Amino acid sequence: MKNRLEALRKSHGVSQEELAAALEVSRQTIGSLEHGRYNPSIILAFKLARYFNTTIEDIFIYEEDAT
């Protein structure tokens, strides 16, 4: 799943470490999310949206396979 997390985080001037601490996850989790190697739980997605005062849809871009 594609996302805008890295751009959003940088535009708010927040480091991966700061975001991870605020959300009670590891910095590696944030890095994996930003690079699309990990899809968040629904709870983590809501925490991210609340942290950035936006919607889940504004952070994560869901694209169905065209199969």
N, C-alpha and C. Protein backbone atom coordinates (compact mmCIF):
# COMPACT_ATOMS: atom_id res chain seq x y z
N MET A 1 0.84 -1.17 0.00
CA MET A 1 0.00 0.00 0.00
C MET A 1 0.89 1.24 0.00
N LYS A 2 0.61 2.16 -0.90
CA LYS A 2 1.36 3.39 -0.96
C LYS A 2 0.89 4.33 0.15
N ASN A 3 1.78 5.26 0.52
CA ASN A 3 1.39 6.21 1.55
C ASN A 3 2.18 7.51 1.41
N ARG A 4 1.71 8.52 2.10
CA ARG A 4 2.34 9.84 2.13
C ARG A 4 3.01 10.10 3.47
N LEU A 5 3.28 9.05 4.22
CA LEU A 5 3.75 9.22 5.59
C LEU A 5 5.07 9.99 5.69
N GLU A 6 6.04 9.63 4.88
CA GLU A 6 7.33 10.31 4.96
C GLU A 6 7.20 11.80 4.66
N ALA A 7 6.48 12.14 3.60
CA ALA A 7 6.29 13.54 3.24
C ALA A 7 5.54 14.29 4.33
N LEU A 8 4.53 13.66 4.89
CA LEU A 8 3.74 14.28 5.95
C LEU A 8 4.60 14.50 7.20
N ARG A 9 5.37 13.48 7.55
CA ARG A 9 6.24 13.58 8.73
C ARG A 9 7.26 14.71 8.55
N LYS A 10 7.89 14.76 7.38
CA LYS A 10 8.90 15.79 7.13
C LYS A 10 8.29 17.19 7.09
N SER A 11 7.10 17.31 6.55
CA SER A 11 6.46 18.63 6.48
C SER A 11 6.10 19.16 7.87
N HIS A 12 5.96 18.23 8.82
CA HIS A 12 5.67 18.62 10.21
C HIS A 12 6.95 18.74 11.04
N GLY A 13 8.10 18.49 10.41
CA GLY A 13 9.37 18.63 11.11
C GLY A 13 9.59 17.61 12.21
N VAL A 14 9.10 16.40 11.99
CA VAL A 14 9.18 15.34 13.00
C VAL A 14 10.13 14.25 12.50
N SER A 15 11.00 13.79 13.37
CA SER A 15 11.91 12.70 12.99
C SER A 15 11.18 11.36 13.14
N GLN A 16 11.75 10.33 12.52
CA GLN A 16 11.19 8.98 12.68
C GLN A 16 11.17 8.60 14.16
N GLU A 17 12.22 8.94 14.89
CA GLU A 17 12.31 8.60 16.31
C GLU A 17 11.22 9.30 17.12
N GLU A 18 10.98 10.58 16.83
CA GLU A 18 9.96 11.32 17.56
C GLU A 18 8.57 10.76 17.28
N LEU A 19 8.30 10.44 16.02
CA LEU A 19 7.00 9.89 15.66
C LEU A 19 6.81 8.52 16.30
N ALA A 20 7.85 7.71 16.25
CA ALA A 20 7.78 6.38 16.85
C ALA A 20 7.48 6.47 18.35
N ALA A 21 8.15 7.38 19.04
CA ALA A 21 7.92 7.55 20.47
C ALA A 21 6.50 7.99 20.76
N ALA A 22 5.99 8.92 19.96
CA ALA A 22 4.63 9.43 20.17
C ALA A 22 3.59 8.34 19.95
N LEU A 23 3.87 7.41 19.03
CA LEU A 23 2.90 6.36 18.70
C LEU A 23 3.18 5.05 19.42
N GLU A 24 4.26 5.04 20.21
CA GLU A 24 4.66 3.86 20.98
C GLU A 24 4.95 2.65 20.08
N VAL A 25 5.71 2.91 19.00
CA VAL A 25 6.19 1.86 18.11
C VAL A 25 7.69 2.10 17.93
N SER A 26 8.36 1.19 17.24
CA SER A 26 9.79 1.36 17.01
C SER A 26 10.05 2.26 15.81
N ARG A 27 11.25 2.83 15.76
CA ARG A 27 11.64 3.63 14.61
C ARG A 27 11.65 2.77 13.36
N GLN A 28 11.99 1.49 13.51
CA GLN A 28 11.99 0.57 12.37
C GLN A 28 10.59 0.41 11.80
N THR A 29 9.58 0.42 12.65
CA THR A 29 8.20 0.33 12.18
C THR A 29 7.86 1.53 11.31
N ILE A 30 8.26 2.72 11.75
CA ILE A 30 7.99 3.92 10.97
C ILE A 30 8.71 3.84 9.63
N GLY A 31 9.97 3.43 9.64
CA GLY A 31 10.72 3.29 8.40
C GLY A 31 10.09 2.29 7.45
N SER A 32 9.65 1.17 8.00
CA SER A 32 9.01 0.14 7.16
C SER A 32 7.70 0.64 6.58
N LEU A 33 6.94 1.40 7.36
CA LEU A 33 5.70 1.99 6.85
C LEU A 33 6.01 2.95 5.71
N GLU A 34 6.99 3.81 5.92
CA GLU A 34 7.31 4.82 4.91
C GLU A 34 7.77 4.20 3.59
N HIS A 35 8.43 3.07 3.66
CA HIS A 35 8.94 2.43 2.46
C HIS A 35 8.02 1.34 1.91
N GLY A 36 6.82 1.23 2.47
CA GLY A 36 5.84 0.29 1.95
C GLY A 36 6.12 -1.17 2.23
N ARG A 37 7.01 -1.44 3.18
CA ARG A 37 7.33 -2.82 3.52
C ARG A 37 6.38 -3.39 4.57
N TYR A 38 5.55 -2.53 5.13
CA TYR A 38 4.67 -2.92 6.23
C TYR A 38 3.38 -2.14 6.13
N ASN A 39 2.26 -2.83 6.25
CA ASN A 39 0.96 -2.17 6.29
C ASN A 39 0.53 -2.08 7.76
N PRO A 40 0.06 -0.92 8.17
CA PRO A 40 -0.27 -0.74 9.59
C PRO A 40 -1.54 -1.45 9.99
N SER A 41 -1.64 -1.75 11.27
CA SER A 41 -2.91 -2.21 11.82
C SER A 41 -3.88 -1.03 11.73
N ILE A 42 -5.14 -1.32 11.84
CA ILE A 42 -6.13 -0.24 11.78
C ILE A 42 -5.94 0.72 12.95
N ILE A 43 -5.54 0.19 14.09
CA ILE A 43 -5.32 1.03 15.27
C ILE A 43 -4.15 1.99 15.02
N LEU A 44 -3.06 1.47 14.45
CA LEU A 44 -1.91 2.34 14.15
C LEU A 44 -2.27 3.37 13.08
N ALA A 45 -3.05 2.97 12.10
CA ALA A 45 -3.48 3.92 11.07
C ALA A 45 -4.29 5.06 11.69
N PHE A 46 -5.18 4.73 12.63
CA PHE A 46 -5.96 5.77 13.30
C PHE A 46 -5.06 6.66 14.15
N LYS A 47 -4.06 6.08 14.83
CA LYS A 47 -3.13 6.87 15.64
C LYS A 47 -2.35 7.85 14.76
N LEU A 48 -1.92 7.38 13.59
CA LEU A 48 -1.19 8.26 12.67
C LEU A 48 -2.08 9.40 12.21
N ALA A 49 -3.30 9.09 11.84
CA ALA A 49 -4.23 10.12 11.38
C ALA A 49 -4.50 11.13 12.48
N ARG A 50 -4.69 10.66 13.69
CA ARG A 50 -4.94 11.57 14.81
C ARG A 50 -3.70 12.43 15.09
N TYR A 51 -2.53 11.82 15.04
CA TYR A 51 -1.28 12.56 15.30
C TYR A 51 -1.12 13.72 14.32
N PHE A 52 -1.39 13.46 13.05
CA PHE A 52 -1.23 14.49 12.02
C PHE A 52 -2.50 15.28 11.77
N ASN A 53 -3.54 15.03 12.56
CA ASN A 53 -4.81 15.75 12.44
C ASN A 53 -5.35 15.70 11.02
N THR A 54 -5.40 14.48 10.47
CA THR A 54 -5.89 14.27 9.12
C THR A 54 -6.66 12.95 9.09
N THR A 55 -7.01 12.49 7.91
CA THR A 55 -7.73 11.23 7.79
C THR A 55 -6.79 10.11 7.34
N ILE A 56 -7.18 8.90 7.60
CA ILE A 56 -6.41 7.74 7.14
C ILE A 56 -6.24 7.79 5.64
N GLU A 57 -7.30 8.18 4.93
CA GLU A 57 -7.28 8.23 3.47
C GLU A 57 -6.28 9.27 2.95
N ASP A 58 -6.00 10.30 3.75
CA ASP A 58 -5.01 11.30 3.34
C ASP A 58 -3.58 10.80 3.51
N ILE A 59 -3.40 9.75 4.29
CA ILE A 59 -2.06 9.19 4.51
C ILE A 59 -1.81 7.98 3.63
N PHE A 60 -2.78 7.08 3.59
CA PHE A 60 -2.61 5.81 2.88
C PHE A 60 -3.44 5.77 1.61
N ILE A 61 -2.82 5.29 0.54
CA ILE A 61 -3.48 5.20 -0.76
C ILE A 61 -3.69 3.73 -1.09
N TYR A 62 -4.94 3.30 -1.06
CA TYR A 62 -5.26 1.92 -1.36
C TYR A 62 -5.56 1.77 -2.84
N GLU A 63 -4.84 0.87 -3.49
CA GLU A 63 -5.07 0.62 -4.91
C GLU A 63 -5.37 -0.85 -5.10
N GLU A 64 -6.55 -1.15 -5.62
CA GLU A 64 -6.89 -2.54 -5.89
C GLU A 64 -6.13 -3.03 -7.10
N ASP A 65 -5.76 -4.29 -7.07
CA ASP A 65 -5.10 -4.89 -8.24
C ASP A 65 -6.10 -4.95 -9.40
N ALA A 66 -5.62 -4.68 -10.59
CA ALA A 66 -6.49 -4.71 -11.78
C ALA A 66 -6.49 -6.10 -12.40
N THR A 67 -6.77 -7.11 -11.57
CA THR A 67 -6.77 -8.49 -12.08
C THR A 67 -8.17 -9.01 -12.22
